[in-house]
Amino acid sequence: MKAAIISITKNGTAISYRIASSLKNEHQCIRYAFEKYSDKNTVSFGSLSDLVSDIFGRYDALIFICACGIAVRTISPFISSKLTDPAVIAVDEQGKFAVSLLSGHIGKANALTKKIAGILNAVPVITTATDIGEKFSPDSFAAANYLYICEMEMAKEIAAAVLNNEKIGICSNYAIENLPDIFVSQSNIGIKISEDYSGDPFGKTLHLVPKNIVIGTGCKRNTDAETFENFILKNLEKYNIPIWRVRSVNTINLKKNENAICSFSKKYGISLSFFSAEQLMAVQGNFSRSEFVLKTTGTDCVCERSACADGGRLLFPKYAENGMTIAAAELPVHIDFEKEIL
């Protein structure tokens, strides 16, 4: 997770340091401080609204060290959808309370709020109904297990049924661990977990599809972003892979600043991972080999090795076109109802 920690007071800047220091081994934290209280380890800003306008879509989480009202007013022009909005958390400038404000489940704000509260010995404030009632939440379950929610309105109906103590149907193409006793094989409302999102085994069905596809890619320098996007989408369509099944875009670290790859990842909200040539050469498997690529990058194949770098099996091999390459791998699916989001 990439998190921006934003402070507007002297004490807030000290608190942001405590949070960043504790989270640094798990998350990438960038600290922003109001110019009067900035230091060499923070990015200075003069206008909070201008800062948030610039960074709202670039981070997985925004952690404000200020009053809730300030945070709410600042983010309000940019809120779009619970499927895409970042987690937003407010911590008071004395560090007594950590409040989950936005994207509690899918954006993982609730889990991050609990973690921050533990760091500061603060009180976590979480108001989502399923959490305070310690009941099953389809949003949290999907996020923890890398499942795409096909029907958000149906997810809300499932959550409402859970709160009303109704039994929920379950149908899965994958082995399930720690299934709660609220789930049954037959019900009027239920959940189907499968890459096949057609068919309704229940009267009202929520389809959850695994986000378990990893794209490995590369492109020549200064490739046009639209051309690259069309290339990726065309090849996914060829193998009947919807874009929302893609969990990560992987490539070599030489492409860290390649606009076409970075823009594609940002546009579709897909995690972007970079690997060194040494890491890619250590990936096990039978891959395409190019002496030119080896001489240029230090690894004999970027896209296939990148695709399999997270432990998946190669789904389709390297395809190259006009200096762009793509391969894809499929990760194993593990469904666990007790899996934590973070």
C-alpha atoms as a PDB file:
ATOM      1  CA  MET A   1       0.000   0.000   0.000  1.00  0.00           C
ATOM      2  CA  LYS A   2       1.199   3.501  -0.870  1.00  0.00           C
ATOM      3  CA  ALA A   3       0.127   5.974   1.817  1.00  0.00           C
ATOM      4  CA  ALA A   4       0.319   9.759   2.081  1.00  0.00           C
ATOM      5  CA  ILE A   5       0.515  11.059   5.654  1.00  0.00           C
ATOM      6  CA  ILE A   6      -0.547  14.707   5.815  1.00  0.00           C
ATOM      7  CA  SER A   7       0.023  17.013   8.783  1.00  0.00           C
ATOM      8  CA  ILE A   8      -0.771  20.695   9.292  1.00  0.00           C
ATOM      9  CA  THR A   9       0.647  21.365  12.789  1.00  0.00           C
ATOM     10  CA  LYS A  10       3.965  20.876  14.557  1.00  0.00           C
ATOM     11  CA  ASN A  11       2.623  18.107  16.768  1.00  0.00           C
ATOM     12  CA  GLY A  12       0.876  16.553  13.770  1.00  0.00           C
ATOM     13  CA  THR A  13       4.198  16.331  11.962  1.00  0.00           C
ATOM     14  CA  ALA A  14       5.673  14.474  14.950  1.00  0.00           C
ATOM     15  CA  ILE A  15       2.740  12.048  14.917  1.00  0.00           C
ATOM     16  CA  SER A  16       3.123  11.488  11.170  1.00  0.00           C
ATOM     17  CA  TYR A  17       6.743  10.480  11.824  1.00  0.00           C
ATOM     18  CA  ARG A  18       5.631   7.888  14.409  1.00  0.00           C
ATOM     19  CA  ILE A  19       3.104   6.413  11.999  1.00  0.00           C
ATOM     20  CA  ALA A  20       5.487   6.324   9.028  1.00  0.00           C
ATOM     21  CA  SER A  21       8.280   4.774  11.101  1.00  0.00           C
ATOM     22  CA  SER A  22       6.012   1.943  12.232  1.00  0.00           C
ATOM     23  CA  LEU A  23       4.468   1.275   8.821  1.00  0.00           C
ATOM     24  CA  LYS A  24       7.608   1.561   6.690  1.00  0.00           C
ATOM     25  CA  ASN A  25       8.320  -2.188   6.584  1.00  0.00           C
ATOM     26  CA  GLU A  26       4.830  -2.955   5.244  1.00  0.00           C
ATOM     27  CA  HIS A  27       3.839   0.140   3.286  1.00  0.00           C
ATOM     28  CA  GLN A  28       5.412   2.927   1.266  1.00  0.00           C
ATOM     29  CA  CYS A  29       4.733   6.110   3.238  1.00  0.00           C
ATOM     30  CA  ILE A  30       5.292   9.647   1.976  1.00  0.00           C
ATOM     31  CA  ARG A  31       4.972  12.391   4.591  1.00  0.00           C
ATOM     32  CA  TYR A  32       3.522  15.789   3.647  1.00  0.00           C
ATOM     33  CA  ALA A  33       3.735  18.699   6.102  1.00  0.00           C
ATOM     34  CA  PHE A  34       2.425  22.251   6.020  1.00  0.00           C
ATOM     35  CA  GLU A  35       5.359  24.444   4.964  1.00  0.00           C
ATOM     36  CA  LYS A  36       5.712  26.108   8.396  1.00  0.00           C
ATOM     37  CA  TYR A  37       6.235  22.706  10.061  1.00  0.00           C
ATOM     38  CA  SER A  38       8.045  20.852   7.314  1.00  0.00           C
ATOM     39  CA  ASP A  39      11.460  19.235   7.744  1.00  0.00           C
ATOM     40  CA  LYS A  40      14.009  17.473   5.563  1.00  0.00           C
ATOM     41  CA  ASN A  41      12.037  14.216   5.695  1.00  0.00           C
ATOM     42  CA  THR A  42       8.715  15.683   4.578  1.00  0.00           C
ATOM     43  CA  VAL A  43       7.319  17.175   1.387  1.00  0.00           C
ATOM     44  CA  SER A  44       6.290  20.769   2.049  1.00  0.00           C
ATOM     45  CA  PHE A  45       2.927  22.187   0.940  1.00  0.00           C
ATOM     46  CA  GLY A  46       1.243  25.551   1.242  1.00  0.00           C
ATOM     47  CA  SER A  47      -2.368  24.723   0.316  1.00  0.00           C
ATOM     48  CA  LEU A  48      -4.063  21.600   1.664  1.00  0.00           C
ATOM     49  CA  SER A  49      -6.772  21.636  -1.022  1.00  0.00           C
ATOM     50  CA  ASP A  50      -4.188  21.950  -3.802  1.00  0.00           C
ATOM     51  CA  LEU A  51      -2.159  19.099  -2.302  1.00  0.00           C
ATOM     52  CA  VAL A  52      -5.128  16.735  -2.071  1.00  0.00           C
ATOM     53  CA  SER A  53      -6.234  17.668  -5.586  1.00  0.00           C
ATOM     54  CA  ASP A  54      -2.806  16.585  -6.801  1.00  0.00           C
ATOM     55  CA  ILE A  55      -2.404  13.343  -4.841  1.00  0.00           C
ATOM     56  CA  PHE A  56      -5.930  11.956  -4.292  1.00  0.00           C
ATOM     57  CA  GLY A  57      -5.725   9.500  -7.178  1.00  0.00           C
ATOM     58  CA  ARG A  58      -2.066   8.613  -6.679  1.00  0.00           C
ATOM     59  CA  TYR A  59      -2.195   6.924  -3.274  1.00  0.00           C
ATOM     60  CA  ASP A  60      -3.953   3.890  -1.820  1.00  0.00           C
ATOM     61  CA  ALA A  61      -4.461   5.726   1.480  1.00  0.00           C
ATOM     62  CA  LEU A  62      -4.541   9.297   2.748  1.00  0.00           C
ATOM     63  CA  ILE A  63      -3.864   9.686   6.472  1.00  0.00           C
ATOM     64  CA  PHE A  64      -4.720  13.167   7.761  1.00  0.00           C
ATOM     65  CA  ILE A  65      -3.373  14.391  11.086  1.00  0.00           C
ATOM     66  CA  CYS A  66      -6.077  16.980  11.728  1.00  0.00           C
ATOM     67  CA  ALA A  67      -9.744  17.395  12.627  1.00  0.00           C
ATOM     68  CA  CYS A  68     -12.218  15.160  10.781  1.00  0.00           C
ATOM     69  CA  GLY A  69     -14.044  18.222   9.470  1.00  0.00           C
ATOM     70  CA  ILE A  70     -10.933  19.534   7.745  1.00  0.00           C
ATOM     71  CA  ALA A  71     -10.263  16.159   6.129  1.00  0.00           C
ATOM     72  CA  VAL A  72     -13.883  15.713   4.999  1.00  0.00           C
ATOM     73  CA  ARG A  73     -14.141  19.167   3.442  1.00  0.00           C
ATOM     74  CA  THR A  74     -10.820  18.702   1.670  1.00  0.00           C
ATOM     75  CA  ILE A  75     -11.580  15.306   0.083  1.00  0.00           C
ATOM     76  CA  SER A  76     -15.255  15.953  -0.745  1.00  0.00           C
ATOM     77  CA  PRO A  77     -14.701  17.310  -4.314  1.00  0.00           C
ATOM     78  CA  PHE A  78     -12.759  14.178  -5.282  1.00  0.00           C
ATOM     79  CA  ILE A  79     -14.884  11.334  -3.875  1.00  0.00           C
ATOM     80  CA  SER A  80     -16.081   9.095  -6.707  1.00  0.00           C
ATOM     81  CA  SER A  81     -16.811   5.451  -5.841  1.00  0.00           C
ATOM     82  CA  LYS A  82     -16.142   2.990  -3.034  1.00  0.00           C
ATOM     83  CA  LEU A  83     -14.612   0.756  -5.710  1.00  0.00           C
ATOM     84  CA  THR A  84     -11.886   3.266  -6.561  1.00  0.00           C
ATOM     85  CA  ASP A  85     -11.577   5.860  -3.773  1.00  0.00           C
ATOM     86  CA  PRO A  86      -8.504   5.571  -1.543  1.00  0.00           C
ATOM     87  CA  ALA A  87      -8.727   4.773   2.142  1.00  0.00           C
ATOM     88  CA  VAL A  88      -9.048   7.999   4.129  1.00  0.00           C
ATOM     89  CA  ILE A  89      -8.243   8.174   7.844  1.00  0.00           C
ATOM     90  CA  ALA A  90      -8.191  11.124  10.216  1.00  0.00           C
ATOM     91  CA  VAL A  91      -6.048  11.212  13.353  1.00  0.00           C
ATOM     92  CA  ASP A  92      -6.476  14.094  15.781  1.00  0.00           C
ATOM     93  CA  GLU A  93      -3.344  16.145  16.356  1.00  0.00           C
ATOM     94  CA  GLN A  94      -2.978  14.804  19.906  1.00  0.00           C
ATOM     95  CA  GLY A  95      -3.032  11.225  18.627  1.00  0.00           C
ATOM     96  CA  LYS A  96      -5.980  10.164  20.809  1.00  0.00           C
ATOM     97  CA  PHE A  97      -8.341   8.941  18.080  1.00  0.00           C
ATOM     98  CA  ALA A  98      -7.951   7.316  14.659  1.00  0.00           C
ATOM     99  CA  VAL A  99     -11.113   7.619  12.543  1.00  0.00           C
ATOM    100  CA  SER A 100     -11.932   5.599   9.416  1.00  0.00           C
ATOM    101  CA  LEU A 101     -13.615   8.106   7.074  1.00  0.00           C
ATOM    102  CA  LEU A 102     -13.735   6.588   3.601  1.00  0.00           C
ATOM    103  CA  SER A 103     -13.373   3.196   1.874  1.00  0.00           C
ATOM    104  CA  GLY A 104     -13.462   1.216   5.079  1.00  0.00           C
ATOM    105  CA  HIS A 105     -13.729  -2.194   3.460  1.00  0.00           C
ATOM    106  CA  ILE A 106     -12.544  -2.289  -0.159  1.00  0.00           C
ATOM    107  CA  GLY A 107     -10.061   0.529   0.391  1.00  0.00           C
ATOM    108  CA  LYS A 108      -8.922  -1.134   3.657  1.00  0.00           C
ATOM    109  CA  ALA A 109      -9.354   2.016   5.766  1.00  0.00           C
ATOM    110  CA  ASN A 110     -10.870   0.099   8.704  1.00  0.00           C
ATOM    111  CA  ALA A 111      -7.949  -2.292   8.970  1.00  0.00           C
ATOM    112  CA  LEU A 112      -5.417   0.522   8.570  1.00  0.00           C
ATOM    113  CA  THR A 113      -7.256   2.571  11.204  1.00  0.00           C
ATOM    114  CA  LYS A 114      -6.891  -0.276  13.702  1.00  0.00           C
ATOM    115  CA  LYS A 115      -3.192  -0.553  12.894  1.00  0.00           C
ATOM    116  CA  ILE A 116      -2.591   3.186  13.337  1.00  0.00           C
ATOM    117  CA  ALA A 117      -4.542   3.187  16.602  1.00  0.00           C
ATOM    118  CA  GLY A 118      -2.272   0.409  17.843  1.00  0.00           C
ATOM    119  CA  ILE A 119       0.832   2.414  16.919  1.00  0.00           C
ATOM    120  CA  LEU A 120      -0.371   5.514  18.777  1.00  0.00           C
ATOM    121  CA  ASN A 121      -2.203   3.723  21.591  1.00  0.00           C
ATOM    122  CA  ALA A 122      -5.266   5.608  20.336  1.00  0.00           C
ATOM    123  CA  VAL A 123      -8.951   4.711  20.125  1.00  0.00           C
ATOM    124  CA  PRO A 124      -9.963   3.342  16.688  1.00  0.00           C
ATOM    125  CA  VAL A 125     -13.269   4.799  15.482  1.00  0.00           C
ATOM    126  CA  ILE A 126     -15.028   2.563  12.952  1.00  0.00           C
ATOM    127  CA  THR A 127     -18.697   3.011  12.125  1.00  0.00           C
ATOM    128  CA  THR A 128     -19.504   0.461   9.394  1.00  0.00           C
ATOM    129  CA  ALA A 129     -22.391  -1.713  10.609  1.00  0.00           C
ATOM    130  CA  THR A 130     -20.882  -5.135   9.881  1.00  0.00           C
ATOM    131  CA  ASP A 131     -17.660  -4.216  11.696  1.00  0.00           C
ATOM    132  CA  ILE A 132     -19.230  -2.851  14.864  1.00  0.00           C
ATOM    133  CA  GLY A 133     -21.514  -5.895  14.966  1.00  0.00           C
ATOM    134  CA  GLU A 134     -18.568  -8.216  14.227  1.00  0.00           C
ATOM    135  CA  LYS A 135     -20.468  -9.756  11.314  1.00  0.00           C
ATOM    136  CA  PHE A 136     -19.457 -10.961   7.869  1.00  0.00           C
ATOM    137  CA  SER A 137     -18.853  -8.162   5.371  1.00  0.00           C
ATOM    138  CA  PRO A 138     -18.845  -9.070   1.660  1.00  0.00           C
ATOM    139  CA  ASP A 139     -16.704  -5.993   0.904  1.00  0.00           C
ATOM    140  CA  SER A 140     -13.989  -6.910   3.414  1.00  0.00           C
ATOM    141  CA  PHE A 141     -14.094 -10.590   2.465  1.00  0.00           C
ATOM    142  CA  ALA A 142     -13.680  -9.750  -1.227  1.00  0.00           C
ATOM    143  CA  ALA A 143     -10.807  -7.345  -0.586  1.00  0.00           C
ATOM    144  CA  ALA A 144      -8.950  -9.798   1.663  1.00  0.00           C
ATOM    145  CA  ASN A 145      -9.270 -12.652  -0.839  1.00  0.00           C
ATOM    146  CA  TYR A 146      -8.574 -10.620  -4.004  1.00  0.00           C
ATOM    147  CA  LEU A 147     -12.089 -11.047  -5.378  1.00  0.00           C
ATOM    148  CA  TYR A 148     -13.790  -8.635  -7.737  1.00  0.00           C
ATOM    149  CA  ILE A 149     -17.345  -7.628  -6.785  1.00  0.00           C
ATOM    150  CA  CYS A 150     -19.440  -7.821  -9.955  1.00  0.00           C
ATOM    151  CA  GLU A 151     -22.608  -6.301  -8.439  1.00  0.00           C
ATOM    152  CA  MET A 152     -22.045  -3.696  -5.733  1.00  0.00           C
ATOM    153  CA  GLU A 153     -25.787  -3.279  -5.067  1.00  0.00           C
ATOM    154  CA  MET A 154     -26.067  -7.025  -4.452  1.00  0.00           C
ATOM    155  CA  ALA A 155     -23.138  -6.819  -2.029  1.00  0.00           C
ATOM    156  CA  LYS A 156     -25.183  -4.287  -0.068  1.00  0.00           C
ATOM    157  CA  GLU A 157     -28.158  -6.688  -0.057  1.00  0.00           C
ATOM    158  CA  ILE A 158     -25.919  -9.480   1.250  1.00  0.00           C
ATOM    159  CA  ALA A 159     -24.639  -7.213   4.036  1.00  0.00           C
ATOM    160  CA  ALA A 160     -28.211  -6.246   4.953  1.00  0.00           C
ATOM    161  CA  ALA A 161     -29.261  -9.903   5.046  1.00  0.00           C
ATOM    162  CA  VAL A 162     -26.312 -10.690   7.339  1.00  0.00           C
ATOM    163  CA  LEU A 163     -27.331  -7.891   9.702  1.00  0.00           C
ATOM    164  CA  ASN A 164     -30.872  -9.352   9.729  1.00  0.00           C
ATOM    165  CA  ASN A 165     -29.422 -12.748  10.756  1.00  0.00           C
ATOM    166  CA  GLU A 166     -30.480 -14.428   7.504  1.00  0.00           C
ATOM    167  CA  LYS A 167     -28.700 -17.484   6.123  1.00  0.00           C
ATOM    168  CA  ILE A 168     -26.560 -16.839   3.032  1.00  0.00           C
ATOM    169  CA  GLY A 169     -26.028 -19.318   0.206  1.00  0.00           C
ATOM    170  CA  ILE A 170     -22.503 -20.164  -0.925  1.00  0.00           C
ATOM    171  CA  CYS A 171     -21.279 -21.716  -4.178  1.00  0.00           C
ATOM    172  CA  SER A 172     -17.562 -21.833  -4.964  1.00  0.00           C
ATOM    173  CA  ASN A 173     -15.292 -23.357  -7.590  1.00  0.00           C
ATOM    174  CA  TYR A 174     -12.459 -23.237  -5.068  1.00  0.00           C
ATOM    175  CA  ALA A 175     -11.740 -24.858  -1.728  1.00  0.00           C
ATOM    176  CA  ILE A 176     -12.928 -22.761   1.219  1.00  0.00           C
ATOM    177  CA  GLU A 177     -11.409 -22.450   4.665  1.00  0.00           C
ATOM    178  CA  ASN A 178     -13.103 -21.268   7.875  1.00  0.00           C
ATOM    179  CA  LEU A 179     -16.617 -21.004   6.457  1.00  0.00           C
ATOM    180  CA  PRO A 180     -18.898 -19.200   8.972  1.00  0.00           C
ATOM    181  CA  ASP A 181     -22.072 -20.961  10.043  1.00  0.00           C
ATOM    182  CA  ILE A 182     -24.260 -18.267   8.429  1.00  0.00           C
ATOM    183  CA  PHE A 183     -23.561 -19.925   5.056  1.00  0.00           C
ATOM    184  CA  VAL A 184     -25.656 -22.754   3.648  1.00  0.00           C
ATOM    185  CA  SER A 185     -25.828 -24.607   0.328  1.00  0.00           C
ATOM    186  CA  GLN A 186     -29.329 -23.408  -0.542  1.00  0.00           C
ATOM    187  CA  SER A 187     -30.876 -20.003   0.043  1.00  0.00           C
ATOM    188  CA  ASN A 188     -32.794 -17.294  -1.776  1.00  0.00           C
ATOM    189  CA  ILE A 189     -29.749 -15.013  -1.575  1.00  0.00           C
ATOM    190  CA  GLY A 190     -26.126 -16.023  -1.832  1.00  0.00           C
ATOM    191  CA  ILE A 191     -22.597 -15.719  -3.168  1.00  0.00           C
ATOM    192  CA  LYS A 192     -20.980 -17.448  -6.150  1.00  0.00           C
ATOM    193  CA  ILE A 193     -17.164 -17.493  -6.267  1.00  0.00           C
ATOM    194  CA  SER A 194     -15.944 -18.392  -9.746  1.00  0.00           C
ATOM    195  CA  GLU A 195     -14.164 -16.967 -12.777  1.00  0.00           C
ATOM    196  CA  ASP A 196     -17.441 -17.734 -14.575  1.00  0.00           C
ATOM    197  CA  TYR A 197     -19.727 -14.861 -13.613  1.00  0.00           C
ATOM    198  CA  SER A 198     -22.713 -16.110 -15.613  1.00  0.00           C
ATOM    199  CA  GLY A 199     -25.543 -18.118 -14.067  1.00  0.00           C
ATOM    200  CA  ASP A 200     -27.378 -17.536 -10.788  1.00  0.00           C
ATOM    201  CA  PRO A 201     -27.359 -20.483  -8.375  1.00  0.00           C
ATOM    202  CA  PHE A 202     -29.498 -18.438  -5.980  1.00  0.00           C
ATOM    203  CA  GLY A 203     -32.567 -16.249  -6.452  1.00  0.00           C
ATOM    204  CA  LYS A 204     -30.325 -13.252  -5.756  1.00  0.00           C
ATOM    205  CA  THR A 205     -26.662 -13.940  -6.525  1.00  0.00           C
ATOM    206  CA  LEU A 206     -23.546 -11.896  -5.798  1.00  0.00           C
ATOM    207  CA  HIS A 207     -20.786 -12.944  -8.219  1.00  0.00           C
ATOM    208  CA  LEU A 208     -17.232 -12.699  -6.884  1.00  0.00           C
ATOM    209  CA  VAL A 209     -14.467 -13.288  -9.429  1.00  0.00           C
ATOM    210  CA  PRO A 210     -10.813 -13.923  -8.510  1.00  0.00           C
ATOM    211  CA  LYS A 211      -8.383 -11.107  -9.309  1.00  0.00           C
ATOM    212  CA  ASN A 212      -5.581 -13.579  -9.916  1.00  0.00           C
ATOM    213  CA  ILE A 213      -4.095 -12.587 -13.273  1.00  0.00           C
ATOM    214  CA  VAL A 214      -0.636 -11.004 -13.393  1.00  0.00           C
ATOM    215  CA  ILE A 215       0.502  -9.223 -16.532  1.00  0.00           C
ATOM    216  CA  GLY A 216       4.180  -9.207 -17.381  1.00  0.00           C
ATOM    217  CA  THR A 217       5.084  -6.497 -19.844  1.00  0.00           C
ATOM    218  CA  GLY A 218       7.693  -4.253 -21.374  1.00  0.00           C
ATOM    219  CA  CYS A 219       7.911  -1.609 -24.082  1.00  0.00           C
ATOM    220  CA  LYS A 220      10.422   0.535 -25.881  1.00  0.00           C
ATOM    221  CA  ARG A 221      11.188   3.941 -24.425  1.00  0.00           C
ATOM    222  CA  ASN A 222       8.539   6.653 -24.889  1.00  0.00           C
ATOM    223  CA  THR A 223       5.875   4.312 -26.217  1.00  0.00           C
ATOM    224  CA  ASP A 224       2.580   6.142 -26.715  1.00  0.00           C
ATOM    225  CA  ALA A 225       0.292   5.517 -23.710  1.00  0.00           C
ATOM    226  CA  GLU A 226      -2.867   4.959 -25.768  1.00  0.00           C
ATOM    227  CA  THR A 227      -1.078   2.584 -28.118  1.00  0.00           C
ATOM    228  CA  PHE A 228       0.218   0.588 -25.145  1.00  0.00           C
ATOM    229  CA  GLU A 229      -3.222   0.489 -23.498  1.00  0.00           C
ATOM    230  CA  ASN A 230      -4.857  -0.814 -26.670  1.00  0.00           C
ATOM    231  CA  PHE A 231      -2.131  -3.430 -27.035  1.00  0.00           C
ATOM    232  CA  ILE A 232      -2.687  -4.766 -23.490  1.00  0.00           C
ATOM    233  CA  LEU A 233      -6.498  -4.752 -23.729  1.00  0.00           C
ATOM    234  CA  LYS A 234      -6.467  -6.422 -27.145  1.00  0.00           C
ATOM    235  CA  ASN A 235      -4.343  -9.296 -25.880  1.00  0.00           C
ATOM    236  CA  LEU A 236      -6.401  -9.759 -22.717  1.00  0.00           C
ATOM    237  CA  GLU A 237      -9.558  -9.879 -24.828  1.00  0.00           C
ATOM    238  CA  LYS A 238      -7.971 -12.509 -27.056  1.00  0.00           C
ATOM    239  CA  TYR A 239      -7.794 -14.816 -24.029  1.00  0.00           C
ATOM    240  CA  ASN A 240     -11.201 -13.734 -22.627  1.00  0.00           C
ATOM    241  CA  ILE A 241      -9.640 -12.043 -19.592  1.00  0.00           C
ATOM    242  CA  PRO A 242     -11.584  -8.990 -18.337  1.00  0.00           C
ATOM    243  CA  ILE A 243      -9.362  -6.171 -17.099  1.00  0.00           C
ATOM    244  CA  TRP A 244     -10.814  -6.378 -13.602  1.00  0.00           C
ATOM    245  CA  ARG A 245      -9.332  -9.858 -13.135  1.00  0.00           C
ATOM    246  CA  VAL A 246      -5.827  -8.370 -13.336  1.00  0.00           C
ATOM    247  CA  ARG A 247      -4.223  -8.047  -9.908  1.00  0.00           C
ATOM    248  CA  SER A 248      -0.830  -6.694 -10.893  1.00  0.00           C
ATOM    249  CA  VAL A 249       1.220  -5.327 -13.780  1.00  0.00           C
ATOM    250  CA  ASN A 250       4.848  -6.463 -13.460  1.00  0.00           C
ATOM    251  CA  THR A 251       7.949  -5.350 -15.305  1.00  0.00           C
ATOM    252  CA  ILE A 252      11.667  -4.741 -14.898  1.00  0.00           C
ATOM    253  CA  ASN A 253      12.812  -1.835 -12.713  1.00  0.00           C
ATOM    254  CA  LEU A 254      14.422  -0.193 -15.744  1.00  0.00           C
ATOM    255  CA  LYS A 255      10.839   0.759 -16.690  1.00  0.00           C
ATOM    256  CA  LYS A 256      10.029   2.483 -13.396  1.00  0.00           C
ATOM    257  CA  ASN A 257       9.454   5.819 -15.112  1.00  0.00           C
ATOM    258  CA  GLU A 258       7.980   4.559 -18.375  1.00  0.00           C
ATOM    259  CA  ASN A 259       4.869   6.683 -18.844  1.00  0.00           C
ATOM    260  CA  ALA A 260       2.895   4.175 -20.929  1.00  0.00           C
ATOM    261  CA  ILE A 261       3.140   1.440 -18.273  1.00  0.00           C
ATOM    262  CA  CYS A 262       2.609   3.763 -15.312  1.00  0.00           C
ATOM    263  CA  SER A 263      -0.376   5.480 -16.960  1.00  0.00           C
ATOM    264  CA  PHE A 264      -2.045   2.170 -17.766  1.00  0.00           C
ATOM    265  CA  SER A 265      -1.669   0.933 -14.193  1.00  0.00           C
ATOM    266  CA  LYS A 266      -2.992   4.194 -12.741  1.00  0.00           C
ATOM    267  CA  LYS A 267      -5.962   4.396 -15.138  1.00  0.00           C
ATOM    268  CA  TYR A 268      -7.237   0.944 -14.217  1.00  0.00           C
ATOM    269  CA  GLY A 269      -6.233   1.048 -10.537  1.00  0.00           C
ATOM    270  CA  ILE A 270      -3.937  -1.959 -10.863  1.00  0.00           C
ATOM    271  CA  SER A 271      -0.919  -2.532  -8.640  1.00  0.00           C
ATOM    272  CA  LEU A 272       2.398  -1.956 -10.435  1.00  0.00           C
ATOM    273  CA  SER A 273       5.482  -3.946  -9.399  1.00  0.00           C
ATOM    274  CA  PHE A 274       9.086  -3.659 -10.550  1.00  0.00           C
ATOM    275  CA  PHE A 275      11.790  -6.316 -10.389  1.00  0.00           C
ATOM    276  CA  SER A 276      15.537  -6.220 -10.855  1.00  0.00           C
ATOM    277  CA  ALA A 277      17.200  -8.260 -13.578  1.00  0.00           C
ATOM    278  CA  GLU A 278      18.627 -10.539 -10.875  1.00  0.00           C
ATOM    279  CA  GLN A 279      15.180 -11.157  -9.395  1.00  0.00           C
ATOM    280  CA  LEU A 280      13.728 -11.962 -12.804  1.00  0.00           C
ATOM    281  CA  MET A 281      16.534 -14.375 -13.679  1.00  0.00           C
ATOM    282  CA  ALA A 282      15.831 -16.221 -10.424  1.00  0.00           C
ATOM    283  CA  VAL A 283      12.219 -16.966 -11.413  1.00  0.00           C
ATOM    284  CA  GLN A 284      11.832 -20.671 -12.149  1.00  0.00           C
ATOM    285  CA  GLY A 285      10.224 -21.895 -15.379  1.00  0.00           C
ATOM    286  CA  ASN A 286      10.664 -22.447 -19.092  1.00  0.00           C
ATOM    287  CA  PHE A 287      10.661 -19.013 -20.687  1.00  0.00           C
ATOM    288  CA  SER A 288      11.389 -17.433 -24.043  1.00  0.00           C
ATOM    289  CA  ARG A 289      14.975 -16.298 -24.394  1.00  0.00           C
ATOM    290  CA  SER A 290      16.481 -13.335 -26.219  1.00  0.00           C
ATOM    291  CA  GLU A 291      20.196 -12.613 -26.337  1.00  0.00           C
ATOM    292  CA  PHE A 292      19.432  -8.994 -27.270  1.00  0.00           C
ATOM    293  CA  VAL A 293      17.164  -8.537 -24.241  1.00  0.00           C
ATOM    294  CA  LEU A 294      19.771 -10.219 -22.023  1.00  0.00           C
ATOM    295  CA  LYS A 295      22.482  -7.875 -23.245  1.00  0.00           C
ATOM    296  CA  THR A 296      20.230  -4.812 -22.916  1.00  0.00           C
ATOM    297  CA  THR A 297      18.498  -5.488 -19.590  1.00  0.00           C
ATOM    298  CA  GLY A 298      20.440  -8.222 -17.811  1.00  0.00           C
ATOM    299  CA  THR A 299      17.609 -10.758 -18.064  1.00  0.00           C
ATOM    300  CA  ASP A 300      16.813 -12.995 -21.034  1.00  0.00           C
ATOM    301  CA  CYS A 301      13.050 -12.356 -20.932  1.00  0.00           C
ATOM    302  CA  VAL A 302      11.200  -9.531 -19.216  1.00  0.00           C
ATOM    303  CA  CYS A 303       7.490 -10.170 -19.767  1.00  0.00           C
ATOM    304  CA  GLU A 304       7.213 -13.925 -19.079  1.00  0.00           C
ATOM    305  CA  ARG A 305       9.520 -13.825 -16.063  1.00  0.00           C
ATOM    306  CA  SER A 306       7.740 -10.730 -14.720  1.00  0.00           C
ATOM    307  CA  ALA A 307       4.352 -12.402 -15.102  1.00  0.00           C
ATOM    308  CA  CYS A 308       5.511 -15.416 -13.085  1.00  0.00           C
ATOM    309  CA  ALA A 309       7.521 -13.432 -10.515  1.00  0.00           C
ATOM    310  CA  ASP A 310       4.674 -13.594  -7.965  1.00  0.00           C
ATOM    311  CA  GLY A 311       4.465 -17.372  -8.095  1.00  0.00           C
ATOM    312  CA  GLY A 312       1.829 -17.905 -10.778  1.00  0.00           C
ATOM    313  CA  ARG A 313       1.847 -20.311 -13.711  1.00  0.00           C
ATOM    314  CA  LEU A 314       2.227 -18.965 -17.230  1.00  0.00           C
ATOM    315  CA  LEU A 315      -1.234 -18.510 -18.762  1.00  0.00           C
ATOM    316  CA  PHE A 316      -0.181 -17.268 -22.161  1.00  0.00           C
ATOM    317  CA  PRO A 317       3.352 -16.768 -23.497  1.00  0.00           C
ATOM    318  CA  LYS A 318       5.155 -13.713 -24.795  1.00  0.00           C
ATOM    319  CA  TYR A 319       3.566 -11.772 -27.595  1.00  0.00           C
ATOM    320  CA  ALA A 320       5.448  -8.845 -29.128  1.00  0.00           C
ATOM    321  CA  GLU A 321       4.257  -6.011 -31.340  1.00  0.00           C
ATOM    322  CA  ASN A 322       5.926  -2.735 -32.277  1.00  0.00           C
ATOM    323  CA  GLY A 323       8.348  -2.813 -29.348  1.00  0.00           C
ATOM    324  CA  MET A 324       5.691  -3.836 -26.798  1.00  0.00           C
ATOM    325  CA  THR A 325       5.503  -7.236 -25.102  1.00  0.00           C
ATOM    326  CA  ILE A 326       2.967  -9.021 -22.924  1.00  0.00           C
ATOM    327  CA  ALA A 327       2.611 -12.349 -21.137  1.00  0.00           C
ATOM    328  CA  ALA A 328       0.239 -13.359 -18.355  1.00  0.00           C
ATOM    329  CA  ALA A 329       0.293 -15.721 -15.403  1.00  0.00           C
ATOM    330  CA  GLU A 330      -2.478 -17.102 -13.202  1.00  0.00           C
ATOM    331  CA  LEU A 331      -2.055 -17.132  -9.426  1.00  0.00           C
ATOM    332  CA  PRO A 332      -3.546 -19.919  -7.279  1.00  0.00           C
ATOM    333  CA  VAL A 333      -6.809 -18.993  -5.540  1.00  0.00           C
ATOM    334  CA  HIS A 334      -7.106 -19.466  -1.769  1.00  0.00           C
ATOM    335  CA  ILE A 335     -10.460 -18.602  -0.181  1.00  0.00           C
ATOM    336  CA  ASP A 336     -10.326 -18.043   3.577  1.00  0.00           C
ATOM    337  CA  PHE A 337     -13.147 -16.343   5.467  1.00  0.00           C
ATOM    338  CA  GLU A 338     -10.782 -15.455   8.315  1.00  0.00           C
ATOM    339  CA  LYS A 339      -8.170 -13.799   6.138  1.00  0.00           C
ATOM    340  CA  GLU A 340      -7.333 -10.270   7.258  1.00  0.00           C
ATOM    341  CA  ILE A 341      -7.379  -7.392   4.777  1.00  0.00           C
ATOM    342  CA  LEU A 342      -3.891  -6.114   5.613  1.00  0.00           C
END
